[in-house]
Amino acid sequence: MNKIRTKNIYLVRHGKVLGEAALNGKTDVLVDASLQYEICAAITALPIKFDAVATSPLRRCYDLAERAAQAKSIPLQTIDELQEMNFGDVDGVPFDLLSDQWDSLESFWQDPANHQLAGAESLQAFHQRVIQGWSQLISCTNDNTLLVTHGGVIRMILAYCLDIDWKKPTLYSNLAIGNASLTHIQITQTDDNNYISVKVIGQPLVAA
């Protein structure tokens, strides 16, 4: 007889970051401490008994994850593979200063799989490492895990779970994953297979 186990992964995108509007990937920008507190309070108020917290190592995620882990008195794990895409030469540079690179940015936004930014991680490399990190996460024994991560990471995980082609540009342009939002993925594991159900996508945790 197959053993059946159900796991729930609750993915939270970090809050809105400080500073000028930019394509922030590897750049370690911050979220205002008061907003981190507000998001953490919303997480701890959820009727969910979390067993563990996992996070991207970047501060906009880690600071929130650390607060949540301390509030719930549960373990905190950092997963390097679940940090945002590296956008290369334009990473973290305010959009107002990127007039010379605007054509390449437009090409990237229209078709990111086939228009790699200068010095950036390819979409394929990003996909591979995110799925590696996701596989590591779901192999853990916890029943209810909170994952604090990035919009691009959540989209890539959803593409994997829903069997959507991760190369499709509309995945990134049309699938809204707001700051401080919750996505819930349930995994039913048997001896033979994993059955994935996406329960919630992008539910706001705090007022915009």
N, C-alpha and C. Protein backbone atom coordinates (compact mmCIF):
# COMPACT_ATOMS: atom_id res chain seq x y z
N MET A 1 0.83 -1.19 0.00
CA MET A 1 0.00 0.00 0.00
C MET A 1 0.88 1.25 0.00
N ASN A 2 0.54 2.21 -0.87
CA ASN A 2 1.29 3.45 -0.94
C ASN A 2 1.07 4.30 0.31
N LYS A 3 2.15 4.88 0.80
CA LYS A 3 2.02 5.87 1.87
C LYS A 3 1.74 7.22 1.23
N ILE A 4 0.81 7.95 1.80
CA ILE A 4 0.44 9.26 1.27
C ILE A 4 0.80 10.34 2.28
N ARG A 5 1.46 11.38 1.78
CA ARG A 5 1.83 12.51 2.63
C ARG A 5 1.51 13.80 1.90
N THR A 6 0.96 14.75 2.61
CA THR A 6 0.63 16.04 2.02
C THR A 6 1.54 17.13 2.58
N LYS A 7 2.15 17.89 1.67
CA LYS A 7 2.99 19.01 2.06
C LYS A 7 2.39 20.30 1.50
N ASN A 8 2.54 21.36 2.24
CA ASN A 8 2.09 22.67 1.80
C ASN A 8 3.26 23.64 1.81
N ILE A 9 3.50 24.29 0.68
CA ILE A 9 4.52 25.32 0.57
C ILE A 9 3.80 26.65 0.38
N TYR A 10 4.05 27.59 1.26
CA TYR A 10 3.45 28.92 1.19
C TYR A 10 4.55 29.89 0.76
N LEU A 11 4.45 30.36 -0.48
CA LEU A 11 5.48 31.23 -1.04
C LEU A 11 5.06 32.69 -0.86
N VAL A 12 5.89 33.45 -0.20
CA VAL A 12 5.63 34.87 0.00
C VAL A 12 6.67 35.68 -0.75
N ARG A 13 6.21 36.60 -1.59
CA ARG A 13 7.14 37.52 -2.23
C ARG A 13 7.44 38.66 -1.24
N HIS A 14 8.69 39.06 -1.23
CA HIS A 14 9.12 40.15 -0.35
C HIS A 14 8.33 41.43 -0.59
N GLY A 15 8.39 42.35 0.35
CA GLY A 15 7.72 43.64 0.23
C GLY A 15 8.42 44.58 -0.75
N LYS A 16 7.77 45.69 -1.03
CA LYS A 16 8.33 46.70 -1.93
C LYS A 16 9.65 47.22 -1.36
N VAL A 17 10.66 47.30 -2.21
CA VAL A 17 11.99 47.68 -1.74
C VAL A 17 12.18 49.19 -1.73
N LEU A 18 13.15 49.61 -0.96
CA LEU A 18 13.52 51.02 -0.90
C LEU A 18 14.34 51.41 -2.13
N GLY A 19 14.38 52.70 -2.41
CA GLY A 19 15.22 53.19 -3.51
C GLY A 19 14.43 53.43 -4.78
N GLU A 20 15.15 53.90 -5.80
CA GLU A 20 14.54 54.20 -7.09
C GLU A 20 14.16 52.91 -7.82
N ALA A 21 13.18 53.03 -8.71
CA ALA A 21 12.72 51.88 -9.49
C ALA A 21 13.87 51.34 -10.33
N ALA A 22 14.09 50.03 -10.26
CA ALA A 22 15.19 49.39 -10.97
C ALA A 22 14.88 47.92 -11.14
N LEU A 23 15.65 47.27 -11.98
CA LEU A 23 15.56 45.83 -12.17
C LEU A 23 16.48 45.19 -11.14
N ASN A 24 15.92 44.92 -9.97
CA ASN A 24 16.71 44.40 -8.86
C ASN A 24 16.71 42.88 -8.87
N GLY A 25 17.86 42.30 -9.14
CA GLY A 25 18.02 40.87 -9.09
C GLY A 25 18.96 40.50 -7.96
N LYS A 26 20.25 40.40 -8.28
CA LYS A 26 21.26 40.07 -7.26
C LYS A 26 21.54 41.25 -6.34
N THR A 27 21.17 42.47 -6.75
CA THR A 27 21.41 43.65 -5.93
C THR A 27 20.67 43.51 -4.60
N ASP A 28 21.40 43.71 -3.50
CA ASP A 28 20.85 43.41 -2.18
C ASP A 28 20.15 44.63 -1.58
N VAL A 29 19.03 45.01 -2.18
CA VAL A 29 18.25 46.16 -1.70
C VAL A 29 17.42 45.75 -0.48
N LEU A 30 16.93 46.75 0.24
CA LEU A 30 16.22 46.51 1.49
C LEU A 30 14.75 46.87 1.40
N VAL A 31 13.98 46.32 2.31
CA VAL A 31 12.59 46.70 2.54
C VAL A 31 12.55 47.46 3.86
N ASP A 32 11.76 48.53 3.91
CA ASP A 32 11.64 49.31 5.13
C ASP A 32 11.26 48.41 6.32
N ALA A 33 11.91 48.64 7.46
CA ALA A 33 11.70 47.78 8.62
C ALA A 33 10.25 47.76 9.09
N SER A 34 9.56 48.89 9.01
CA SER A 34 8.16 48.92 9.44
C SER A 34 7.28 48.07 8.53
N LEU A 35 7.59 48.04 7.23
CA LEU A 35 6.84 47.20 6.31
C LEU A 35 7.15 45.72 6.56
N GLN A 36 8.40 45.41 6.85
CA GLN A 36 8.75 44.02 7.19
C GLN A 36 7.94 43.57 8.41
N TYR A 37 7.84 44.45 9.39
CA TYR A 37 7.07 44.13 10.60
C TYR A 37 5.60 43.88 10.24
N GLU A 38 5.04 44.71 9.37
CA GLU A 38 3.63 44.58 8.99
C GLU A 38 3.39 43.25 8.24
N ILE A 39 4.30 42.91 7.32
CA ILE A 39 4.14 41.66 6.58
C ILE A 39 4.29 40.46 7.52
N CYS A 40 5.26 40.54 8.42
CA CYS A 40 5.46 39.45 9.38
C CYS A 40 4.23 39.26 10.26
N ALA A 41 3.62 40.36 10.69
CA ALA A 41 2.41 40.26 11.50
C ALA A 41 1.28 39.58 10.73
N ALA A 42 1.17 39.89 9.43
CA ALA A 42 0.15 39.26 8.59
C ALA A 42 0.41 37.77 8.45
N ILE A 43 1.68 37.39 8.32
CA ILE A 43 2.04 35.97 8.20
C ILE A 43 1.71 35.23 9.50
N THR A 44 2.11 35.80 10.63
CA THR A 44 1.89 35.11 11.90
C THR A 44 0.41 35.02 12.25
N ALA A 45 -0.40 35.90 11.66
CA ALA A 45 -1.85 35.86 11.91
C ALA A 45 -2.56 34.80 11.07
N LEU A 46 -1.87 34.24 10.08
CA LEU A 46 -2.50 33.22 9.25
C LEU A 46 -2.82 31.97 10.08
N PRO A 47 -3.94 31.30 9.81
CA PRO A 47 -4.31 30.10 10.58
C PRO A 47 -3.55 28.86 10.08
N ILE A 48 -2.24 28.96 10.08
CA ILE A 48 -1.39 27.89 9.57
C ILE A 48 -0.31 27.59 10.60
N LYS A 49 -0.09 26.33 10.90
CA LYS A 49 0.98 25.94 11.82
C LYS A 49 2.23 25.61 10.99
N PHE A 50 3.06 26.62 10.77
CA PHE A 50 4.28 26.42 10.00
C PHE A 50 5.28 25.57 10.79
N ASP A 51 5.98 24.71 10.06
CA ASP A 51 7.02 23.87 10.67
C ASP A 51 8.41 24.47 10.47
N ALA A 52 8.59 25.23 9.39
CA ALA A 52 9.91 25.76 9.07
C ALA A 52 9.76 26.93 8.11
N VAL A 53 10.81 27.74 8.04
CA VAL A 53 10.87 28.86 7.10
C VAL A 53 12.10 28.66 6.22
N ALA A 54 11.93 28.86 4.92
CA ALA A 54 13.05 28.86 3.97
C ALA A 54 13.08 30.22 3.29
N THR A 55 14.26 30.63 2.85
CA THR A 55 14.37 31.97 2.27
C THR A 55 15.51 32.09 1.28
N SER A 56 15.34 33.03 0.36
CA SER A 56 16.45 33.53 -0.43
C SER A 56 17.43 34.21 0.52
N PRO A 57 18.73 34.21 0.20
CA PRO A 57 19.70 34.86 1.09
C PRO A 57 19.68 36.38 1.02
N LEU A 58 19.03 36.97 0.01
CA LEU A 58 19.04 38.42 -0.13
C LEU A 58 18.20 39.07 0.96
N ARG A 59 18.66 40.23 1.43
CA ARG A 59 18.12 40.83 2.65
C ARG A 59 16.63 41.14 2.56
N ARG A 60 16.13 41.52 1.39
CA ARG A 60 14.71 41.85 1.27
C ARG A 60 13.83 40.65 1.60
N CYS A 61 14.37 39.46 1.46
CA CYS A 61 13.67 38.22 1.85
C CYS A 61 14.12 37.73 3.22
N TYR A 62 15.43 37.70 3.41
CA TYR A 62 15.98 37.10 4.64
C TYR A 62 15.50 37.82 5.90
N ASP A 63 15.46 39.15 5.85
CA ASP A 63 15.06 39.91 7.04
C ASP A 63 13.64 39.55 7.47
N LEU A 64 12.74 39.38 6.49
CA LEU A 64 11.36 38.99 6.79
C LEU A 64 11.31 37.55 7.29
N ALA A 65 12.03 36.66 6.62
CA ALA A 65 12.03 35.25 7.01
C ALA A 65 12.56 35.07 8.43
N GLU A 66 13.60 35.82 8.77
CA GLU A 66 14.17 35.72 10.12
C GLU A 66 13.15 36.18 11.16
N ARG A 67 12.45 37.27 10.87
CA ARG A 67 11.40 37.74 11.79
C ARG A 67 10.32 36.67 11.97
N ALA A 68 9.88 36.09 10.86
CA ALA A 68 8.81 35.09 10.93
C ALA A 68 9.26 33.84 11.69
N ALA A 69 10.48 33.40 11.45
CA ALA A 69 11.00 32.22 12.14
C ALA A 69 11.10 32.46 13.64
N GLN A 70 11.55 33.66 14.02
CA GLN A 70 11.64 33.99 15.44
C GLN A 70 10.26 34.09 16.07
N ALA A 71 9.31 34.69 15.35
CA ALA A 71 7.96 34.85 15.89
C ALA A 71 7.29 33.49 16.12
N LYS A 72 7.59 32.54 15.23
CA LYS A 72 6.97 31.21 15.31
C LYS A 72 7.84 30.20 16.05
N SER A 73 9.07 30.60 16.40
CA SER A 73 10.03 29.69 17.07
C SER A 73 10.24 28.41 16.27
N ILE A 74 10.52 28.59 14.97
CA ILE A 74 10.74 27.46 14.07
C ILE A 74 12.04 27.66 13.31
N PRO A 75 12.60 26.59 12.74
CA PRO A 75 13.89 26.67 12.06
C PRO A 75 13.84 27.53 10.80
N LEU A 76 15.00 28.15 10.50
CA LEU A 76 15.16 28.98 9.30
C LEU A 76 16.26 28.38 8.43
N GLN A 77 15.96 28.21 7.14
CA GLN A 77 16.91 27.64 6.18
C GLN A 77 17.08 28.61 5.02
N THR A 78 18.32 28.88 4.63
CA THR A 78 18.61 29.70 3.46
C THR A 78 18.90 28.80 2.27
N ILE A 79 18.25 29.09 1.14
CA ILE A 79 18.47 28.30 -0.08
C ILE A 79 18.96 29.26 -1.16
N ASP A 80 20.25 29.21 -1.45
CA ASP A 80 20.87 30.15 -2.39
C ASP A 80 20.24 30.08 -3.77
N GLU A 81 19.80 28.90 -4.18
CA GLU A 81 19.24 28.72 -5.52
C GLU A 81 17.92 29.46 -5.71
N LEU A 82 17.30 29.89 -4.63
CA LEU A 82 15.99 30.54 -4.73
C LEU A 82 16.08 32.06 -4.60
N GLN A 83 17.24 32.62 -4.97
CA GLN A 83 17.33 34.08 -5.06
C GLN A 83 16.99 34.51 -6.48
N GLU A 84 16.74 35.80 -6.64
CA GLU A 84 16.25 36.34 -7.90
C GLU A 84 17.30 36.19 -9.01
N MET A 85 16.84 36.35 -10.24
CA MET A 85 17.71 36.29 -11.41
C MET A 85 18.75 37.40 -11.36
N ASN A 86 19.95 37.09 -11.84
CA ASN A 86 21.02 38.09 -11.98
C ASN A 86 20.83 38.80 -13.32
N PHE A 87 20.54 40.11 -13.26
CA PHE A 87 20.27 40.88 -14.47
C PHE A 87 21.51 41.57 -15.04
N GLY A 88 22.68 41.17 -14.59
CA GLY A 88 23.92 41.60 -15.21
C GLY A 88 24.22 43.08 -15.06
N ASP A 89 24.61 43.71 -16.17
CA ASP A 89 25.08 45.10 -16.15
C ASP A 89 24.02 46.10 -15.71
N VAL A 90 22.74 45.77 -15.88
CA VAL A 90 21.67 46.69 -15.52
C VAL A 90 21.09 46.40 -14.14
N ASP A 91 21.59 45.37 -13.49
CA ASP A 91 21.04 44.95 -12.19
C ASP A 91 21.20 46.06 -11.16
N GLY A 92 20.09 46.50 -10.60
CA GLY A 92 20.11 47.50 -9.55
C GLY A 92 20.30 48.93 -10.01
N VAL A 93 20.47 49.15 -11.31
CA VAL A 93 20.67 50.51 -11.83
C VAL A 93 19.30 51.16 -12.04
N PRO A 94 19.06 52.34 -11.48
CA PRO A 94 17.75 52.99 -11.66
C PRO A 94 17.38 53.11 -13.14
N PHE A 95 16.12 52.88 -13.46
CA PHE A 95 15.67 52.93 -14.85
C PHE A 95 15.98 54.28 -15.50
N ASP A 96 15.95 55.35 -14.71
CA ASP A 96 16.21 56.68 -15.26
C ASP A 96 17.63 56.82 -15.82
N LEU A 97 18.53 55.92 -15.43
CA LEU A 97 19.92 55.98 -15.89
C LEU A 97 20.21 54.98 -17.00
N LEU A 98 19.17 54.33 -17.51
CA LEU A 98 19.38 53.25 -18.47
C LEU A 98 18.91 53.59 -19.88
N SER A 99 18.90 54.87 -20.25
CA SER A 99 18.40 55.25 -21.57
C SER A 99 19.20 54.58 -22.69
N ASP A 100 20.50 54.39 -22.50
CA ASP A 100 21.33 53.77 -23.54
C ASP A 100 21.06 52.28 -23.69
N GLN A 101 20.53 51.65 -22.64
CA GLN A 101 20.26 50.20 -22.69
C GLN A 101 18.79 49.88 -22.91
N TRP A 102 17.99 50.90 -23.22
CA TRP A 102 16.55 50.67 -23.27
C TRP A 102 16.14 49.69 -24.37
N ASP A 103 16.82 49.73 -25.50
CA ASP A 103 16.47 48.79 -26.58
C ASP A 103 16.70 47.34 -26.15
N SER A 104 17.82 47.08 -25.50
CA SER A 104 18.11 45.71 -25.05
C SER A 104 17.15 45.29 -23.94
N LEU A 105 16.76 46.23 -23.10
CA LEU A 105 15.78 45.91 -22.07
C LEU A 105 14.42 45.56 -22.68
N GLU A 106 14.00 46.32 -23.68
CA GLU A 106 12.73 46.04 -24.35
C GLU A 106 12.77 44.65 -24.99
N SER A 107 13.87 44.31 -25.63
CA SER A 107 14.01 42.99 -26.26
C SER A 107 13.94 41.89 -25.20
N PHE A 108 14.59 42.13 -24.07
CA PHE A 108 14.57 41.15 -22.98
C PHE A 108 13.15 40.96 -22.45
N TRP A 109 12.43 42.05 -22.23
CA TRP A 109 11.08 41.93 -21.70
C TRP A 109 10.13 41.25 -22.69
N GLN A 110 10.35 41.48 -23.98
CA GLN A 110 9.50 40.87 -25.01
C GLN A 110 9.76 39.37 -25.16
N ASP A 111 11.02 38.95 -24.95
CA ASP A 111 11.37 37.54 -25.16
C ASP A 111 12.62 37.21 -24.34
N PRO A 112 12.47 37.04 -23.01
CA PRO A 112 13.64 36.87 -22.15
C PRO A 112 14.45 35.61 -22.42
N ALA A 113 13.82 34.58 -22.97
CA ALA A 113 14.57 33.34 -23.23
C ALA A 113 15.59 33.50 -24.34
N ASN A 114 15.33 34.43 -25.26
CA ASN A 114 16.19 34.57 -26.44
C ASN A 114 16.93 35.90 -26.50
N HIS A 115 16.81 36.72 -25.47
CA HIS A 115 17.52 38.01 -25.45
C HIS A 115 18.15 38.20 -24.07
N GLN A 116 19.31 37.61 -23.90
CA GLN A 116 20.02 37.70 -22.63
C GLN A 116 20.65 39.08 -22.47
N LEU A 117 20.48 39.68 -21.30
CA LEU A 117 21.08 40.97 -21.02
C LEU A 117 22.59 40.83 -20.84
N ALA A 118 23.32 41.90 -21.12
CA ALA A 118 24.78 41.89 -21.01
C ALA A 118 25.21 41.55 -19.59
N GLY A 119 26.06 40.56 -19.47
CA GLY A 119 26.59 40.16 -18.18
C GLY A 119 25.61 39.43 -17.29
N ALA A 120 24.43 39.11 -17.82
CA ALA A 120 23.37 38.55 -16.99
C ALA A 120 23.35 37.02 -17.05
N GLU A 121 22.65 36.47 -16.11
CA GLU A 121 22.32 35.04 -16.10
C GLU A 121 21.30 34.77 -17.20
N SER A 122 21.44 33.67 -17.90
CA SER A 122 20.46 33.33 -18.93
C SER A 122 19.18 32.83 -18.25
N LEU A 123 18.06 32.94 -18.96
CA LEU A 123 16.80 32.46 -18.41
C LEU A 123 16.87 30.95 -18.17
N GLN A 124 17.57 30.24 -19.05
CA GLN A 124 17.70 28.79 -18.87
C GLN A 124 18.47 28.46 -17.60
N ALA A 125 19.57 29.19 -17.34
CA ALA A 125 20.34 28.96 -16.12
C ALA A 125 19.52 29.28 -14.89
N PHE A 126 18.75 30.36 -14.97
CA PHE A 126 17.86 30.74 -13.87
C PHE A 126 16.84 29.64 -13.61
N HIS A 127 16.22 29.15 -14.66
CA HIS A 127 15.24 28.06 -14.55
C HIS A 127 15.87 26.84 -13.88
N GLN A 128 17.03 26.46 -14.32
CA GLN A 128 17.67 25.25 -13.79
C GLN A 128 17.97 25.37 -12.30
N ARG A 129 18.49 26.52 -11.88
CA ARG A 129 18.84 26.63 -10.46
C ARG A 129 17.61 26.76 -9.57
N VAL A 130 16.57 27.46 -10.08
CA VAL A 130 15.35 27.58 -9.28
C VAL A 130 14.71 26.20 -9.07
N ILE A 131 14.64 25.40 -10.11
CA ILE A 131 14.04 24.08 -9.97
C ILE A 131 14.90 23.19 -9.09
N GLN A 132 16.21 23.37 -9.14
CA GLN A 132 17.09 22.64 -8.23
C GLN A 132 16.78 23.02 -6.77
N GLY A 133 16.62 24.32 -6.51
CA GLY A 133 16.27 24.77 -5.17
C GLY A 133 14.90 24.29 -4.73
N TRP A 134 13.94 24.32 -5.65
CA TRP A 134 12.58 23.85 -5.36
C TRP A 134 12.60 22.36 -5.01
N SER A 135 13.35 21.57 -5.77
CA SER A 135 13.44 20.13 -5.50
C SER A 135 14.05 19.88 -4.13
N GLN A 136 15.05 20.69 -3.78
CA GLN A 136 15.66 20.59 -2.45
C GLN A 136 14.63 20.90 -1.36
N LEU A 137 13.82 21.91 -1.60
CA LEU A 137 12.83 22.32 -0.60
C LEU A 137 11.77 21.25 -0.38
N ILE A 138 11.23 20.70 -1.46
CA ILE A 138 10.13 19.74 -1.29
C ILE A 138 10.62 18.36 -0.83
N SER A 139 11.94 18.16 -0.87
CA SER A 139 12.48 16.89 -0.36
C SER A 139 12.58 16.89 1.17
N CYS A 140 12.42 18.07 1.79
CA CYS A 140 12.48 18.17 3.25
C CYS A 140 11.24 17.50 3.86
N THR A 141 11.33 17.19 5.14
CA THR A 141 10.27 16.43 5.80
C THR A 141 9.16 17.29 6.38
N ASN A 142 9.28 18.60 6.28
CA ASN A 142 8.28 19.48 6.89
C ASN A 142 6.94 19.40 6.16
N ASP A 143 5.85 19.51 6.92
CA ASP A 143 4.51 19.47 6.32
C ASP A 143 4.06 20.84 5.81
N ASN A 144 4.41 21.90 6.53
CA ASN A 144 3.99 23.26 6.17
C ASN A 144 5.19 24.18 6.22
N THR A 145 5.64 24.60 5.06
CA THR A 145 6.85 25.43 4.96
C THR A 145 6.50 26.80 4.40
N LEU A 146 7.03 27.83 5.03
CA LEU A 146 6.95 29.19 4.51
C LEU A 146 8.22 29.47 3.73
N LEU A 147 8.08 29.87 2.47
CA LEU A 147 9.22 30.24 1.64
C LEU A 147 9.12 31.72 1.29
N VAL A 148 10.11 32.51 1.70
CA VAL A 148 10.16 33.93 1.36
C VAL A 148 11.14 34.11 0.21
N THR A 149 10.64 34.59 -0.92
CA THR A 149 11.47 34.64 -2.12
C THR A 149 11.04 35.80 -3.03
N HIS A 150 11.29 35.67 -4.32
CA HIS A 150 11.16 36.77 -5.28
C HIS A 150 10.09 36.46 -6.33
N GLY A 151 9.61 37.52 -7.00
CA GLY A 151 8.58 37.35 -8.02
C GLY A 151 9.01 36.44 -9.15
N GLY A 152 10.24 36.61 -9.65
CA GLY A 152 10.72 35.77 -10.74
C GLY A 152 10.83 34.31 -10.33
N VAL A 153 11.26 34.06 -9.11
CA VAL A 153 11.37 32.69 -8.61
C VAL A 153 9.98 32.05 -8.51
N ILE A 154 9.02 32.79 -7.98
CA ILE A 154 7.66 32.24 -7.83
C ILE A 154 7.07 31.93 -9.20
N ARG A 155 7.27 32.80 -10.17
CA ARG A 155 6.76 32.52 -11.53
C ARG A 155 7.38 31.26 -12.11
N MET A 156 8.67 31.09 -11.90
CA MET A 156 9.36 29.91 -12.44
C MET A 156 8.86 28.63 -11.76
N ILE A 157 8.62 28.70 -10.46
CA ILE A 157 8.08 27.53 -9.74
C ILE A 157 6.67 27.22 -10.21
N LEU A 158 5.85 28.26 -10.41
CA LEU A 158 4.49 28.02 -10.90
C LEU A 158 4.50 27.41 -12.30
N ALA A 159 5.41 27.87 -13.15
CA ALA A 159 5.51 27.28 -14.49
C ALA A 159 5.82 25.80 -14.39
N TYR A 160 6.70 25.45 -13.49
CA TYR A 160 7.07 24.04 -13.29
C TYR A 160 5.87 23.24 -12.76
N CYS A 161 5.20 23.78 -11.76
CA CYS A 161 4.08 23.05 -11.15
C CYS A 161 2.88 22.91 -12.07
N LEU A 162 2.66 23.93 -12.91
CA LEU A 162 1.50 23.92 -13.81
C LEU A 162 1.84 23.42 -15.21
N ASP A 163 3.08 22.98 -15.40
CA ASP A 163 3.54 22.47 -16.69
C ASP A 163 3.36 23.51 -17.81
N ILE A 164 3.77 24.74 -17.50
CA ILE A 164 3.75 25.84 -18.48
C ILE A 164 5.16 26.01 -19.02
N ASP A 165 5.29 26.29 -20.29
CA ASP A 165 6.60 26.50 -20.90
C ASP A 165 7.25 27.74 -20.29
N TRP A 166 8.36 27.55 -19.57
CA TRP A 166 9.02 28.67 -18.88
C TRP A 166 9.67 29.65 -19.86
N LYS A 167 9.75 29.29 -21.12
CA LYS A 167 10.31 30.21 -22.12
C LYS A 167 9.28 31.21 -22.63
N LYS A 168 8.00 31.00 -22.34
CA LYS A 168 6.95 31.87 -22.87
C LYS A 168 7.03 33.25 -22.23
N PRO A 169 7.16 34.32 -23.01
CA PRO A 169 7.25 35.66 -22.45
C PRO A 169 6.03 36.06 -21.61
N THR A 170 4.85 35.54 -21.96
CA THR A 170 3.64 35.93 -21.24
C THR A 170 3.65 35.45 -19.79
N LEU A 171 4.44 34.45 -19.49
CA LEU A 171 4.55 33.99 -18.10
C LEU A 171 5.03 35.13 -17.21
N TYR A 172 5.91 35.96 -17.74
CA TYR A 172 6.52 37.03 -16.95
C TYR A 172 5.76 38.35 -17.09
N SER A 173 5.14 38.57 -18.24
CA SER A 173 4.43 39.83 -18.45
C SER A 173 2.98 39.79 -17.95
N ASN A 174 2.35 38.62 -17.97
CA ASN A 174 0.92 38.53 -17.66
C ASN A 174 0.60 37.96 -16.29
N LEU A 175 1.55 37.24 -15.68
CA LEU A 175 1.28 36.61 -14.39
C LEU A 175 1.74 37.55 -13.27
N ALA A 176 0.79 38.22 -12.64
CA ALA A 176 1.11 39.21 -11.61
C ALA A 176 1.34 38.52 -10.27
N ILE A 177 2.54 38.74 -9.72
CA ILE A 177 2.87 38.28 -8.37
C ILE A 177 3.29 39.53 -7.59
N GLY A 178 2.35 40.13 -6.89
CA GLY A 178 2.62 41.40 -6.23
C GLY A 178 3.55 41.28 -5.05
N ASN A 179 4.14 42.41 -4.67
CA ASN A 179 4.93 42.44 -3.44
C ASN A 179 4.04 42.05 -2.26
N ALA A 180 4.64 41.36 -1.28
CA ALA A 180 3.93 40.95 -0.07
C ALA A 180 2.65 40.17 -0.38
N SER A 181 2.78 39.22 -1.32
CA SER A 181 1.63 38.38 -1.67
C SER A 181 1.94 36.92 -1.36
N LEU A 182 0.89 36.14 -1.22
CA LEU A 182 0.99 34.73 -0.82
C LEU A 182 0.55 33.82 -1.96
N THR A 183 1.35 32.81 -2.24
CA THR A 183 1.00 31.76 -3.20
C THR A 183 1.11 30.42 -2.47
N HIS A 184 0.10 29.57 -2.63
CA HIS A 184 0.04 28.31 -1.88
C HIS A 184 0.07 27.13 -2.87
N ILE A 185 1.05 26.27 -2.69
CA ILE A 185 1.18 25.06 -3.50
C ILE A 185 1.13 23.85 -2.58
N GLN A 186 0.24 22.92 -2.90
CA GLN A 186 0.09 21.69 -2.11
C GLN A 186 0.63 20.50 -2.91
N ILE A 187 1.38 19.66 -2.25
CA ILE A 187 2.00 18.50 -2.90
C ILE A 187 1.58 17.25 -2.14
N THR A 188 0.91 16.36 -2.82
CA THR A 188 0.54 15.07 -2.25
C THR A 188 1.55 14.04 -2.76
N GLN A 189 2.28 13.47 -1.83
CA GLN A 189 3.36 12.55 -2.19
C GLN A 189 2.95 11.11 -1.89
N THR A 190 3.19 10.23 -2.86
CA THR A 190 3.03 8.80 -2.65
C THR A 190 4.37 8.13 -2.92
N ASP A 191 4.42 6.84 -2.76
CA ASP A 191 5.67 6.12 -3.05
C ASP A 191 6.07 6.26 -4.52
N ASP A 192 5.09 6.51 -5.38
CA ASP A 192 5.34 6.49 -6.81
C ASP A 192 5.40 7.86 -7.47
N ASN A 193 4.79 8.88 -6.86
CA ASN A 193 4.65 10.13 -7.59
C ASN A 193 4.37 11.30 -6.64
N ASN A 194 4.51 12.51 -7.20
CA ASN A 194 4.09 13.73 -6.53
C ASN A 194 2.93 14.32 -7.31
N TYR A 195 1.84 14.65 -6.62
CA TYR A 195 0.68 15.27 -7.25
C TYR A 195 0.58 16.71 -6.74
N ILE A 196 0.65 17.65 -7.66
CA ILE A 196 0.77 19.06 -7.30
C ILE A 196 -0.54 19.79 -7.57
N SER A 197 -0.95 20.59 -6.60
CA SER A 197 -2.15 21.41 -6.74
C SER A 197 -1.82 22.84 -6.32
N VAL A 198 -2.05 23.79 -7.22
CA VAL A 198 -1.83 25.20 -6.90
C VAL A 198 -3.14 25.76 -6.34
N LYS A 199 -3.12 26.11 -5.06
CA LYS A 199 -4.34 26.51 -4.36
C LYS A 199 -4.61 28.01 -4.42
N VAL A 200 -3.54 28.82 -4.34
CA VAL A 200 -3.68 30.27 -4.31
C VAL A 200 -2.51 30.87 -5.07
N ILE A 201 -2.75 31.95 -5.83
CA ILE A 201 -1.68 32.66 -6.52
C ILE A 201 -1.79 34.15 -6.21
N GLY A 202 -0.74 34.71 -5.62
CA GLY A 202 -0.63 36.16 -5.47
C GLY A 202 -1.65 36.82 -4.60
N GLN A 203 -2.05 36.19 -3.50
CA GLN A 203 -3.03 36.79 -2.59
C GLN A 203 -2.33 37.85 -1.72
N PRO A 204 -2.79 39.11 -1.75
CA PRO A 204 -2.11 40.16 -0.96
C PRO A 204 -2.18 39.87 0.55
N LEU A 205 -1.07 40.12 1.23
CA LEU A 205 -1.01 39.96 2.68
C LEU A 205 -1.24 41.27 3.41
N VAL A 206 -0.86 42.37 2.77
CA VAL A 206 -1.04 43.69 3.37
C VAL A 206 -1.62 44.62 2.31
N ALA A 207 -2.16 45.74 2.74
CA ALA A 207 -2.71 46.70 1.80
C ALA A 207 -1.60 47.31 0.96
N ALA A 208 -1.89 47.51 -0.32
CA ALA A 208 -0.89 48.06 -1.24
C ALA A 208 -0.59 49.51 -0.89
